[in-house]
Amino acid sequence: MEFVLDPPHEVGPLRLGMTIDEARAALETLGPLSSTAYGEVALHLPSGLGFSLGFGVGRTRDRVNAIEVWRPIERDVVRYRDVDLFGLPALEVVERLRRHVDLRPNEDDDGFTARELYLALWRPFAADDDPDEEQGYFFQSVCLARPGYDDTPAQAAARLAAGGQPGY
C-alpha cells in the first residue's frame, strides 16, 4: 500500500480532528486495532507499518491531535511531496524535503521538524555513513500534527493572540 501525507490535515484515511469513533473506523479499514499503554489507538500491518493516534486534552480530548506512522519492514510506502520518507536515506529525505519546506534539525534527537506544518521525522541516532545500520540510516517514524501541537502555554497564547488556531 501507499500512504500520502497531507500536513497538517491527514495521512491516508486518517484526519487530524477526527473523533475517536471516526478514527477507529478509518483504521479498521486497514486492519485490526490495538491500544497502547498510553491510551493511544494503534494499528500494525503485517508489513511492519504502524499507525498510532494521539488525542487532545480538555475540550478536545475526543479528537485526533497527532498521527504517527512507523517505518515498515517491507512493501508499504509513505510519501510526502513525492518523497519516500522511509525508503530513502534520512539525509536524502531531508535534502529533498527542504526544496519544499523549512525542515530543521531537532535539538534533542537526530530527527527533523517542519514547524509550520508540524511534520516531524525521527530516528533514534544518526548513522548516515552506514546503510547496514537501518535504524540510524533511515527515518523510523513520521508524526503529523496541527501547528501548535507542542506549544508551551505562552506560545499557545501568542499563537491565539496573532489570530492563529490552537493545536488540538
Protein backbone atom coordinates (compact mmCIF):
# COMPACT_ATOMS: atom_id res chain seq x y z
CA MET A 1 0.00 0.00 0.00
CA GLU A 2 0.96 3.62 -0.41
CA PHE A 3 0.04 6.36 2.06
CA VAL A 4 0.36 10.04 1.22
CA LEU A 5 0.85 12.68 3.91
CA ASP A 6 -1.03 15.95 3.60
CA PRO A 7 0.15 18.05 6.55
CA PRO A 8 -1.43 19.48 8.57
CA HIS A 9 -4.53 17.53 7.60
CA GLU A 10 -4.24 13.80 7.01
CA VAL A 11 -2.37 10.59 6.34
CA GLY A 12 -4.29 8.24 4.07
CA PRO A 13 -7.75 7.74 5.63
CA LEU A 14 -6.77 9.40 8.94
CA ARG A 15 -7.52 13.09 9.52
CA LEU A 16 -6.49 15.38 12.34
CA GLY A 17 -9.58 16.46 14.26
CA MET A 18 -11.46 13.17 13.76
CA THR A 19 -13.44 11.86 16.69
CA ILE A 20 -12.25 8.68 18.36
CA ASP A 21 -15.03 6.69 16.67
CA GLU A 22 -14.22 8.14 13.23
CA ALA A 23 -10.53 7.36 13.72
CA ARG A 24 -11.21 3.79 14.82
CA ALA A 25 -13.45 3.24 11.78
CA ALA A 26 -10.78 4.67 9.45
CA LEU A 27 -8.06 2.47 10.95
CA GLU A 28 -10.27 -0.62 10.87
CA THR A 29 -10.44 -0.27 7.07
CA LEU A 30 -6.71 -1.12 7.14
CA GLY A 31 -6.63 -3.89 9.77
CA PRO A 32 -7.30 -4.92 13.39
CA LEU A 33 -6.67 -2.31 16.11
CA SER A 34 -4.71 -2.46 19.34
CA SER A 35 -4.35 0.01 22.22
CA THR A 36 -1.07 1.27 23.61
CA ALA A 37 -0.04 1.68 27.24
CA TYR A 38 -0.65 5.42 26.86
CA GLY A 39 -4.25 5.00 25.68
CA GLU A 40 -3.50 5.77 22.05
CA VAL A 41 -5.26 3.87 19.29
CA ALA A 42 -2.77 1.86 17.23
CA LEU A 43 -2.60 -0.41 14.19
CA HIS A 44 0.29 -2.60 13.00
CA LEU A 45 0.12 -4.04 9.49
CA PRO A 46 1.85 -7.31 8.52
CA SER A 47 4.44 -5.24 6.57
CA GLY A 48 5.56 -3.67 9.86
CA LEU A 49 3.95 -0.31 9.04
CA GLY A 50 2.36 1.05 12.18
CA PHE A 51 -0.02 3.87 12.99
CA SER A 52 -0.68 5.42 16.38
CA LEU A 53 -3.10 8.22 17.14
CA GLY A 54 -2.86 10.72 19.93
CA PHE A 55 -5.86 12.55 21.31
CA GLY A 56 -6.15 16.06 22.72
CA VAL A 57 -6.75 17.15 26.28
CA GLY A 58 -9.55 19.18 27.80
CA ARG A 59 -12.29 20.10 25.35
CA THR A 60 -10.52 18.30 22.51
CA ARG A 61 -9.81 15.04 24.36
CA ASP A 62 -12.03 13.09 21.95
CA ARG A 63 -10.31 14.39 18.80
CA VAL A 64 -7.20 13.16 16.99
CA ASN A 65 -4.41 15.66 17.56
CA ALA A 66 -1.48 13.63 16.22
CA ILE A 67 -0.90 10.80 13.76
CA GLU A 68 2.36 8.89 13.93
CA VAL A 69 3.41 6.43 11.25
CA TRP A 70 6.18 3.88 11.86
CA ARG A 71 8.58 2.55 9.24
CA PRO A 72 7.50 -0.67 7.53
CA ILE A 73 9.85 -3.59 7.09
CA GLU A 74 8.66 -4.15 3.53
CA ARG A 75 6.16 -3.19 0.82
CA ASP A 76 4.22 -0.21 2.19
CA VAL A 77 5.34 3.29 1.19
CA VAL A 78 4.72 6.59 2.97
CA ARG A 79 5.22 9.71 0.84
CA TYR A 80 5.20 13.45 1.21
CA ARG A 81 5.84 15.67 -1.82
CA ASP A 82 6.62 12.51 -3.78
CA VAL A 83 9.47 11.67 -1.38
CA ASP A 84 9.52 8.13 0.05
CA LEU A 85 10.05 9.02 3.71
CA PHE A 86 11.13 5.56 4.87
CA GLY A 87 12.66 4.10 1.70
CA LEU A 88 15.36 6.72 1.16
CA PRO A 89 18.32 7.50 3.42
CA ALA A 90 17.43 10.10 6.05
CA LEU A 91 19.77 12.78 4.71
CA GLU A 92 18.39 12.35 1.19
CA VAL A 93 14.85 12.74 2.56
CA VAL A 94 15.93 15.94 4.32
CA GLU A 95 17.60 17.30 1.18
CA ARG A 96 14.54 16.62 -0.99
CA LEU A 97 12.01 17.97 1.52
CA ARG A 98 14.00 21.17 2.09
CA ARG A 99 13.12 22.11 -1.50
CA HIS A 100 9.53 22.50 -0.29
CA VAL A 101 9.50 23.14 3.48
CA ASP A 102 11.66 24.64 6.22
CA LEU A 103 12.91 21.38 7.75
CA ARG A 104 15.26 21.89 10.69
CA PRO A 105 17.21 19.51 12.90
CA ASN A 106 15.72 18.82 16.32
CA GLU A 107 17.74 19.99 19.30
CA ASP A 108 17.16 16.89 21.43
CA ASP A 109 17.46 13.99 18.96
CA ASP A 110 18.55 13.07 15.44
CA GLY A 111 15.21 13.95 13.86
CA PHE A 112 13.99 16.93 11.84
CA THR A 113 10.81 19.02 12.06
CA ALA A 114 8.97 21.37 9.73
CA ARG A 115 7.32 23.51 12.42
CA GLU A 116 4.92 25.38 10.14
CA LEU A 117 3.35 22.05 9.15
CA TYR A 118 4.22 20.09 12.26
CA LEU A 119 5.75 17.35 10.22
CA ALA A 120 8.37 15.60 12.36
CA LEU A 121 10.75 12.87 11.18
CA TRP A 122 12.54 10.77 13.79
CA ARG A 123 15.31 8.22 14.08
CA PRO A 124 16.98 7.08 17.31
CA PHE A 125 20.51 8.03 16.20
CA ALA A 126 22.40 9.15 13.10
CA ALA A 127 24.30 6.56 11.09
CA ASP A 128 24.46 8.45 7.82
CA ASP A 129 27.55 6.65 6.57
CA ASP A 130 26.35 3.10 7.32
CA PRO A 131 23.36 1.79 5.30
CA ASP A 132 23.54 -1.51 7.22
CA GLU A 133 22.55 0.37 10.39
CA GLU A 134 18.93 0.82 9.30
CA GLN A 135 17.64 2.46 12.49
CA GLY A 136 20.06 5.36 12.11
CA TYR A 137 20.40 5.49 8.33
CA PHE A 138 16.65 5.73 7.66
CA PHE A 139 13.91 7.61 9.46
CA GLN A 140 11.89 5.30 11.71
CA SER A 141 8.75 7.39 12.18
CA VAL A 142 6.94 10.47 10.97
CA CYS A 143 4.49 12.46 13.09
CA LEU A 144 1.86 14.75 11.67
CA ALA A 145 0.05 17.15 14.00
CA ARG A 146 -1.68 20.50 13.96
CA PRO A 147 0.65 23.52 14.13
CA GLY A 148 0.96 24.36 17.80
CA TYR A 149 0.72 20.72 18.88
CA ASP A 150 3.62 21.02 21.32
CA ASP A 151 3.38 24.74 22.14
CA THR A 152 4.10 25.84 25.67
CA PRO A 153 1.24 27.80 27.31
CA ALA A 154 2.99 31.06 26.42
CA GLN A 155 3.45 30.01 22.78
CA ALA A 156 -0.21 28.92 22.57
CA ALA A 157 -1.34 32.29 23.93
CA ALA A 158 0.86 34.13 21.43
CA ARG A 159 -0.46 31.96 18.57
CA LEU A 160 -4.06 32.75 19.54
CA ALA A 161 -3.31 36.45 20.01
CA ALA A 162 -1.87 36.53 16.49
CA GLY A 163 -5.09 35.04 15.14
CA GLY A 164 -3.78 31.51 14.73
CA GLN A 165 -5.50 28.29 15.66
CA PRO A 166 -4.53 26.33 18.76
CA GLY A 167 -3.15 22.81 18.43
CA TYR A 168 -5.60 20.10 19.44
